[in-house]
Protein backbone atom coordinates (compact mmCIF):
# COMPACT_ATOMS: atom_id res chain seq x y z
CA MET A 1 12.40 -34.96 -18.08
CA PHE A 2 10.85 -35.50 -14.59
CA GLU A 3 14.11 -34.81 -13.02
CA THR A 4 14.49 -31.39 -15.05
CA MET A 5 11.06 -30.52 -13.89
CA LEU A 6 11.89 -31.29 -10.28
CA ILE A 7 15.07 -29.25 -10.41
CA HIS A 8 13.20 -26.31 -11.79
CA LEU A 9 10.60 -26.54 -9.01
CA LYS A 10 13.13 -26.75 -6.30
CA ALA A 11 14.91 -23.65 -7.69
CA LEU A 12 11.58 -21.84 -7.81
CA ALA A 13 10.75 -22.80 -4.24
CA ARG A 14 14.12 -21.23 -3.02
CA ASP A 15 13.55 -18.06 -4.98
CA ASN A 16 12.58 -15.23 -2.74
CA LYS A 17 12.20 -12.29 -5.29
CA GLY A 18 8.51 -12.84 -5.52
CA ALA A 19 7.96 -12.68 -1.78
CA THR A 20 10.01 -9.60 -1.46
CA ALA A 21 8.05 -7.92 -4.30
CA ILE A 22 4.74 -8.78 -2.46
CA GLU A 23 6.06 -7.30 0.81
CA TYR A 24 7.05 -4.04 -0.86
CA GLY A 25 3.62 -3.91 -2.50
CA MET A 26 1.78 -4.47 0.80
CA ILE A 27 4.08 -1.72 2.51
CA ALA A 28 3.29 0.68 -0.42
CA ALA A 29 -0.53 -0.08 0.01
CA LEU A 30 -0.29 0.56 3.75
CA ILE A 31 1.47 3.94 3.35
CA ALA A 32 -1.09 4.89 0.72
CA ALA A 33 -3.90 4.05 3.10
CA ILE A 34 -2.32 6.08 5.82
CA ILE A 35 -1.93 9.02 3.51
CA ILE A 36 -5.45 8.89 2.28
CA GLY A 37 -6.61 8.67 5.74
CA VAL A 38 -4.59 11.73 6.94
CA ILE A 39 -5.53 13.77 3.82
CA THR A 40 -9.28 13.02 4.41
CA THR A 41 -9.12 14.06 7.95
CA ILE A 42 -7.26 17.20 7.30
CA GLY A 43 -9.73 18.01 4.39
CA THR A 44 -12.73 17.53 6.78
CA ASP A 45 -11.18 19.78 9.47
CA LEU A 46 -10.20 22.33 6.90
CA LEU A 47 -13.78 22.44 5.46
CA ALA A 48 -15.20 22.99 9.01
CA LYS A 49 -12.87 25.87 9.33
CA PHE A 50 -13.78 27.48 6.08
CA ASN A 51 -17.50 27.00 6.92
CA THR A 52 -16.86 28.77 10.25
CA ILE A 53 -15.24 31.66 8.48
CA ALA A 54 -17.90 31.78 5.77
CA ASP A 55 -20.64 31.94 8.36
CA GLY A 56 -18.78 34.77 10.33
CA ILE A 57 -18.77 36.78 7.16
């Protein structure tokens, strides 16, 4: 029984699927953070332009 458990633990240690999934998740989170930052910056600039136009009217 101990040998069977040891074989399964070794196989689990060699499996890279979990690490790959975590890497893809981190990449997706980084891309989402960048998109949120860009949209926030554009939104702030756009709001300032609309306020300038509104003040001119």
